[in-house]
Amino acid sequence: MEKVSIIGSGNVGANTAFFIAEKGITNVYLYDIQDGISTGKALDMMEAAPIRKYRNCITGIDDINDIRNSESVIIAAGTACSVGMKQEKLLEENWETVSRIVEKIVQISPESIVIVATEPVDFLTTLIAQKFSLPRNKLLGLGCILDASRLKAAVSRELSISAENITAMVIGRDSDDMIVVSEYTRVSGIPLVQLIPEGKIKALIHEVREGGNLIAELSECPGSYYTPSAAAAEVIDAIHMDLKRILPVSVEMEGEYGTTGVAMSLPCVIGKNGVEKVLTPILTKAQQDALKKSAEAIKEIIAVYGESKAHIRKS
């Protein structure tokens, strides 16, 4: 299966296709429900290939059946998150669309690894896991890989060093409730707390939490898309090249830290089989409590959403 398919040709979907081509990973099939968008953007990107020198093909498709036999399928369709938009509202906007897409993936390309890029990632990944019989290893959301990248960028700027020397551990819910595990956030093996004062570390973490909103406010557009696109391309690279990369992605929890029935980010080994192993770093009691609190919040919001949909159907 020498291809990856992307459903949704907006900012995230199109930039993901471009980043995959730039990295030289594999061929990309780009689909959008609106005829012409995917084919037009794919043509534009392929006309840049002689300059950028990427060798894989980006093909725009107007028939979703052409995703058949994809190694991975990225879901990047739906409403983008805007400034101040609550995740409950975003869930209401996007679940029906994402649910229909997953139904088609299961029908057309059942062996594919499904990667959720549509927000709110943790909620949608949880609902997909509940509704569809996908193996745990073949369903993941981008989750805290974005937050980890933003944290690396912030630390790099603060210390005036290369981001390549920084490892960042961010887990939990992809939101204000994200958990930065400072003990595992290091610069060439040196704990961050030895290089940056505690107060400044807290300020950097706050900056990362507000990163998406700040980008949306400054650029006057709904949310960020370069970082999610780069994150999606990184996951595809790890899968297609079987790199066994450890990335903080949203995965259905099956007893980790006493939590089940909800998807949140944990460090996972990503390879040709998708999520090949879920790692459980040692957490403090406060961090474990924060993780459980986030899990309960996700369950509560999903339960309320389910009740509201049932009420609408009865009416």
Protein backbone atom coordinates (compact mmCIF):
# COMPACT_ATOMS: atom_id res chain seq x y z
CA MET A 1 0.00 0.00 0.00
CA GLU A 2 2.34 2.70 -1.27
CA LYS A 3 0.07 5.65 -0.62
CA VAL A 4 -1.52 7.76 2.07
CA SER A 5 -4.88 9.43 1.63
CA ILE A 6 -6.01 12.74 3.12
CA ILE A 7 -9.70 13.52 3.47
CA GLY A 8 -10.22 17.25 3.51
CA SER A 9 -8.30 19.66 1.28
CA GLY A 10 -8.41 22.76 3.46
CA ASN A 11 -5.39 24.34 5.09
CA VAL A 12 -4.45 21.31 7.21
CA GLY A 13 -5.12 18.70 4.54
CA ALA A 14 -3.34 20.52 1.71
CA ASN A 15 -0.31 21.48 3.82
CA THR A 16 -0.04 17.91 5.12
CA ALA A 17 0.10 16.69 1.52
CA PHE A 18 2.82 19.23 0.76
CA PHE A 19 4.91 18.31 3.82
CA ILE A 20 4.66 14.59 3.02
CA ALA A 21 5.87 15.31 -0.51
CA GLU A 22 8.68 17.52 0.81
CA LYS A 23 9.87 14.72 3.11
CA GLY A 24 9.78 12.24 0.20
CA ILE A 25 7.73 9.71 2.14
CA THR A 26 5.14 8.27 -0.24
CA ASN A 27 2.41 9.11 -2.76
CA VAL A 28 -0.53 11.17 -1.54
CA TYR A 29 -4.17 11.06 -2.57
CA LEU A 30 -6.02 14.25 -1.64
CA TYR A 31 -9.82 14.20 -1.43
CA ASP A 32 -12.46 16.82 -0.72
CA ILE A 33 -16.23 16.65 -0.84
CA GLN A 34 -16.28 19.81 -2.97
CA ASP A 35 -15.39 18.89 -6.54
CA GLY A 36 -12.29 20.48 -7.97
CA ILE A 37 -10.61 21.67 -4.77
CA SER A 38 -8.38 18.62 -4.27
CA THR A 39 -7.49 18.29 -7.94
CA GLY A 40 -6.69 21.99 -8.22
CA LYS A 41 -4.48 22.06 -5.13
CA ALA A 42 -2.76 18.83 -6.11
CA LEU A 43 -2.00 20.25 -9.56
CA ASP A 44 -0.58 23.40 -8.00
CA MET A 45 1.69 21.39 -5.68
CA MET A 46 2.87 19.06 -8.44
CA GLU A 47 3.78 22.03 -10.61
CA ALA A 48 6.11 23.07 -7.79
CA ALA A 49 7.80 19.65 -7.82
CA PRO A 50 10.44 20.54 -10.47
CA ILE A 51 11.56 23.41 -8.21
CA ARG A 52 11.22 21.71 -4.84
CA LYS A 53 12.44 18.39 -6.29
CA TYR A 54 10.04 16.08 -4.49
CA ARG A 55 9.58 12.81 -6.33
CA ASN A 56 6.35 11.40 -4.93
CA CYS A 57 3.04 12.21 -6.56
CA ILE A 58 0.19 14.22 -5.05
CA THR A 59 -3.03 13.22 -6.77
CA GLY A 60 -6.32 15.07 -6.33
CA ILE A 61 -9.38 12.82 -6.34
CA ASP A 62 -13.09 13.62 -6.49
CA ASP A 63 -14.24 10.07 -5.70
CA ILE A 64 -13.63 8.92 -2.13
CA ASN A 65 -13.51 5.31 -3.35
CA ASP A 66 -10.04 6.10 -4.72
CA ILE A 67 -8.63 5.98 -1.17
CA ARG A 68 -8.88 2.19 -1.38
CA ASN A 69 -5.80 0.29 -0.16
CA SER A 70 -4.26 3.29 1.58
CA GLU A 71 -1.62 2.52 4.18
CA SER A 72 -2.95 5.41 6.28
CA VAL A 73 -5.87 7.81 6.00
CA ILE A 74 -5.73 11.25 7.59
CA ILE A 75 -9.05 12.88 8.49
CA ALA A 76 -8.65 16.65 8.09
CA ALA A 77 -12.22 17.59 7.21
CA GLY A 78 -14.69 19.68 9.17
CA THR A 79 -14.98 23.04 10.88
CA ALA A 80 -11.74 24.59 12.13
CA CYS A 81 -11.46 25.81 15.70
CA SER A 82 -11.78 29.59 16.04
CA VAL A 83 -10.84 31.92 18.89
CA GLY A 84 -13.00 31.31 21.95
CA MET A 85 -14.83 28.34 20.44
CA LYS A 86 -15.57 25.71 23.06
CA GLN A 87 -14.68 22.11 22.34
CA GLU A 88 -18.28 21.09 23.01
CA LYS A 89 -19.41 23.28 20.12
CA LEU A 90 -16.63 22.03 17.88
CA LEU A 91 -17.61 18.44 18.68
CA GLU A 92 -21.19 19.20 17.68
CA GLU A 93 -19.97 20.76 14.43
CA ASN A 94 -17.65 17.94 13.39
CA TRP A 95 -18.76 14.56 14.76
CA GLU A 96 -21.40 13.76 12.13
CA THR A 97 -18.96 14.61 9.32
CA VAL A 98 -16.13 12.58 10.83
CA SER A 99 -18.44 9.65 11.60
CA ARG A 100 -19.54 9.44 7.96
CA ILE A 101 -15.92 9.59 6.82
CA VAL A 102 -14.87 6.74 9.12
CA GLU A 103 -17.80 4.66 7.87
CA LYS A 104 -16.45 5.09 4.34
CA ILE A 105 -12.88 4.28 5.39
CA VAL A 106 -14.01 1.07 7.13
CA GLN A 107 -15.98 0.11 4.03
CA ILE A 108 -13.44 1.07 1.36
CA SER A 109 -10.02 0.65 3.01
CA PRO A 110 -10.52 -1.40 6.19
CA GLU A 111 -6.80 -2.15 6.69
CA SER A 112 -5.83 1.52 6.82
CA ILE A 113 -4.45 3.24 9.89
CA VAL A 114 -6.79 6.14 10.72
CA ILE A 115 -5.23 9.41 11.89
CA VAL A 116 -7.53 12.10 13.27
CA ALA A 117 -6.42 15.67 12.61
CA THR A 118 -9.88 17.25 12.88
CA GLU A 119 -10.59 19.06 16.14
CA PRO A 120 -11.43 18.30 18.89
CA VAL A 121 -9.04 15.38 18.44
CA ASP A 122 -9.43 13.60 21.80
CA PHE A 123 -13.23 13.71 21.68
CA LEU A 124 -13.45 12.51 18.09
CA THR A 125 -10.90 9.75 18.63
CA THR A 126 -12.87 8.60 21.68
CA LEU A 127 -16.16 8.53 19.78
CA ILE A 128 -14.62 6.71 16.81
CA ALA A 129 -13.22 4.08 19.18
CA GLN A 130 -16.66 3.67 20.77
CA LYS A 131 -18.62 3.43 17.52
CA PHE A 132 -16.30 1.50 15.21
CA SER A 133 -14.47 -1.79 15.66
CA LEU A 134 -11.03 -0.47 14.79
CA PRO A 135 -8.04 -2.18 16.40
CA ARG A 136 -6.48 0.10 19.01
CA ASN A 137 -3.22 0.31 17.10
CA LYS A 138 -4.96 1.53 13.94
CA LEU A 139 -6.62 4.62 15.39
CA LEU A 140 -4.79 7.66 16.70
CA GLY A 141 -5.20 11.41 16.93
CA LEU A 142 -2.55 14.09 16.58
CA GLY A 143 -3.16 15.23 20.15
CA CYS A 144 -0.23 16.58 22.17
CA ILE A 145 2.34 16.16 19.42
CA LEU A 146 1.41 19.76 18.53
CA ASP A 147 1.90 20.97 22.10
CA ALA A 148 5.24 19.18 22.37
CA SER A 149 6.43 20.86 19.17
CA ARG A 150 5.34 24.27 20.45
CA LEU A 151 7.12 23.65 23.75
CA LYS A 152 10.33 22.73 21.94
CA ALA A 153 10.06 25.92 19.88
CA ALA A 154 9.52 28.03 23.01
CA VAL A 155 12.46 26.47 24.87
CA SER A 156 14.65 26.80 21.78
CA ARG A 157 13.86 30.50 21.58
CA GLU A 158 14.36 31.04 25.31
CA LEU A 159 17.78 29.35 25.42
CA SER A 160 18.89 30.34 21.90
CA ILE A 161 19.71 26.74 21.02
CA SER A 162 18.65 24.31 18.30
CA ALA A 163 15.28 22.66 18.84
CA GLU A 164 16.90 19.40 17.73
CA ASN A 165 18.59 19.20 21.13
CA ILE A 166 15.29 19.37 23.02
CA THR A 167 12.97 16.55 24.05
CA ALA A 168 9.55 17.52 25.38
CA MET A 169 6.99 15.32 27.13
CA VAL A 170 3.41 16.57 26.91
CA ILE A 171 0.53 14.21 27.67
CA GLY A 172 -3.18 14.19 28.45
CA ARG A 173 -5.93 16.23 26.88
CA ASP A 174 -5.02 18.44 23.93
CA SER A 175 -6.27 21.67 25.46
CA ASP A 176 -5.64 23.96 28.40
CA ASP A 177 -5.53 20.73 30.45
CA MET A 178 -2.40 19.42 28.73
CA ILE A 179 0.22 18.11 31.15
CA VAL A 180 3.85 19.05 30.63
CA VAL A 181 5.94 16.39 32.34
CA SER A 182 8.88 18.59 33.26
CA GLU A 183 10.95 15.66 34.56
CA TYR A 184 11.10 14.28 31.00
CA THR A 185 11.56 17.62 29.23
CA ARG A 186 15.29 17.97 28.67
CA VAL A 187 17.99 19.67 26.65
CA SER A 188 20.61 17.12 25.53
CA GLY A 189 19.75 15.10 28.61
CA ILE A 190 19.89 18.07 31.01
CA PRO A 191 16.61 18.61 32.90
CA LEU A 192 14.89 21.83 31.90
CA VAL A 193 14.65 22.91 35.53
CA GLN A 194 18.46 23.20 35.64
CA LEU A 195 18.52 25.63 32.72
CA ILE A 196 15.43 27.82 33.13
CA PRO A 197 13.98 29.28 36.35
CA GLU A 198 10.74 27.67 37.51
CA GLY A 199 8.75 30.86 37.02
CA LYS A 200 9.92 31.18 33.42
CA ILE A 201 9.09 27.52 32.75
CA LYS A 202 5.53 28.16 33.94
CA ALA A 203 5.33 31.17 31.62
CA LEU A 204 6.51 29.08 28.66
CA ILE A 205 3.94 26.38 29.45
CA HIS A 206 1.20 29.03 29.59
CA GLU A 207 2.39 30.31 26.21
CA VAL A 208 2.13 26.81 24.75
CA ARG A 209 -1.38 26.36 26.16
CA GLU A 210 -2.49 29.58 24.49
CA GLY A 211 -0.50 28.97 21.30
CA GLY A 212 -3.42 28.05 19.06
CA ASN A 213 -5.55 31.01 20.14
CA LEU A 214 -2.65 33.44 19.82
CA ILE A 215 -1.91 32.28 16.27
CA ALA A 216 -5.59 32.62 15.36
CA GLU A 217 -5.77 36.15 16.82
CA LEU A 218 -2.58 37.38 15.19
CA SER A 219 -3.25 35.87 11.76
CA GLU A 220 -7.00 36.57 11.89
CA CYS A 221 -7.80 33.05 10.75
CA PRO A 222 -9.44 30.06 12.48
CA GLY A 223 -6.66 28.23 14.27
CA SER A 224 -3.21 27.09 13.22
CA TYR A 225 -2.51 24.71 10.38
CA TYR A 226 1.23 24.52 9.70
CA THR A 227 1.96 22.82 13.03
CA PRO A 228 -0.88 20.25 12.74
CA SER A 229 0.16 19.56 9.15
CA ALA A 230 3.80 19.06 10.13
CA ALA A 231 2.67 16.79 12.98
CA ALA A 232 0.56 14.68 10.63
CA ALA A 233 3.47 14.35 8.20
CA GLU A 234 5.72 13.27 11.08
CA VAL A 235 3.27 10.51 12.03
CA ILE A 236 3.01 9.36 8.41
CA ASP A 237 6.81 9.27 8.16
CA ALA A 238 7.03 7.10 11.29
CA ILE A 239 4.38 4.70 9.96
CA HIS A 240 5.48 4.41 6.34
CA MET A 241 9.21 4.18 7.11
CA ASP A 242 8.62 2.02 10.22
CA LEU A 243 10.77 4.38 12.27
CA LYS A 244 9.52 3.33 15.73
CA ARG A 245 9.34 7.02 16.69
CA ILE A 246 8.06 7.90 20.15
CA LEU A 247 5.38 10.55 19.69
CA PRO A 248 2.69 11.87 22.08
CA VAL A 249 -0.48 10.96 20.17
CA SER A 250 -4.08 10.53 21.26
CA VAL A 251 -4.91 6.86 21.75
CA GLU A 252 -7.74 4.99 23.45
CA MET A 253 -6.63 4.26 26.99
CA GLU A 254 -7.02 0.69 28.22
CA GLY A 255 -6.15 0.93 31.89
CA GLU A 256 -3.13 3.20 31.75
CA TYR A 257 -3.07 5.15 35.01
CA GLY A 258 -6.37 3.52 35.90
CA THR A 259 -8.19 5.12 32.95
CA THR A 260 -10.35 3.44 30.30
CA GLY A 261 -12.89 4.40 27.67
CA VAL A 262 -11.35 7.70 26.65
CA ALA A 263 -8.63 8.82 24.21
CA MET A 264 -5.86 11.13 25.35
CA SER A 265 -2.22 11.62 24.50
CA LEU A 266 0.47 9.34 25.83
CA PRO A 267 3.95 8.70 24.40
CA CYS A 268 3.55 5.92 21.84
CA VAL A 269 5.93 3.95 19.65
CA ILE A 270 4.77 4.61 16.08
CA GLY A 271 5.74 2.23 13.29
CA LYS A 272 4.35 0.32 10.33
CA ASN A 273 1.55 -1.15 12.47
CA GLY A 274 0.47 2.21 13.80
CA VAL A 275 0.54 2.49 17.60
CA GLU A 276 2.89 -0.39 18.37
CA LYS A 277 3.34 0.34 22.07
CA VAL A 278 1.91 2.76 24.62
CA LEU A 279 4.46 4.02 27.14
CA THR A 280 3.60 5.00 30.70
CA PRO A 281 6.19 7.36 32.17
CA ILE A 282 6.32 7.70 35.94
CA LEU A 283 3.99 10.53 36.98
CA THR A 284 3.58 12.38 40.24
CA LYS A 285 0.30 12.02 42.11
CA ALA A 286 -0.66 15.53 40.99
CA GLN A 287 -0.03 14.63 37.35
CA GLN A 288 -2.03 11.41 37.65
CA ASP A 289 -4.88 13.31 39.26
CA ALA A 290 -4.80 15.88 36.45
CA LEU A 291 -4.90 13.08 33.86
CA LYS A 292 -7.92 11.47 35.53
CA LYS A 293 -9.65 14.84 35.78
CA SER A 294 -9.17 15.41 32.05
CA ALA A 295 -10.53 11.93 31.29
CA GLU A 296 -13.65 12.59 33.35
CA ALA A 297 -14.15 15.95 31.61
CA ILE A 298 -14.02 14.29 28.19
CA LYS A 299 -16.48 11.58 29.28
CA GLU A 300 -18.85 14.15 30.75
CA ILE A 301 -18.89 16.34 27.64
CA ILE A 302 -19.41 13.31 25.38
CA ALA A 303 -22.27 12.10 27.59
CA VAL A 304 -23.96 15.51 27.45
CA TYR A 305 -23.46 15.62 23.68
CA GLY A 306 -25.01 12.15 23.33
CA GLU A 307 -28.02 13.14 25.43
CA SER A 308 -28.59 16.30 23.39
CA LYS A 309 -28.48 14.34 20.12
CA ALA A 310 -30.97 11.81 21.50
CA HIS A 311 -33.29 14.66 22.51
CA ILE A 312 -33.11 16.15 19.02
CA ARG A 313 -33.96 12.77 17.43
CA LYS A 314 -36.97 12.30 19.73
CA SER A 315 -38.25 15.80 18.93
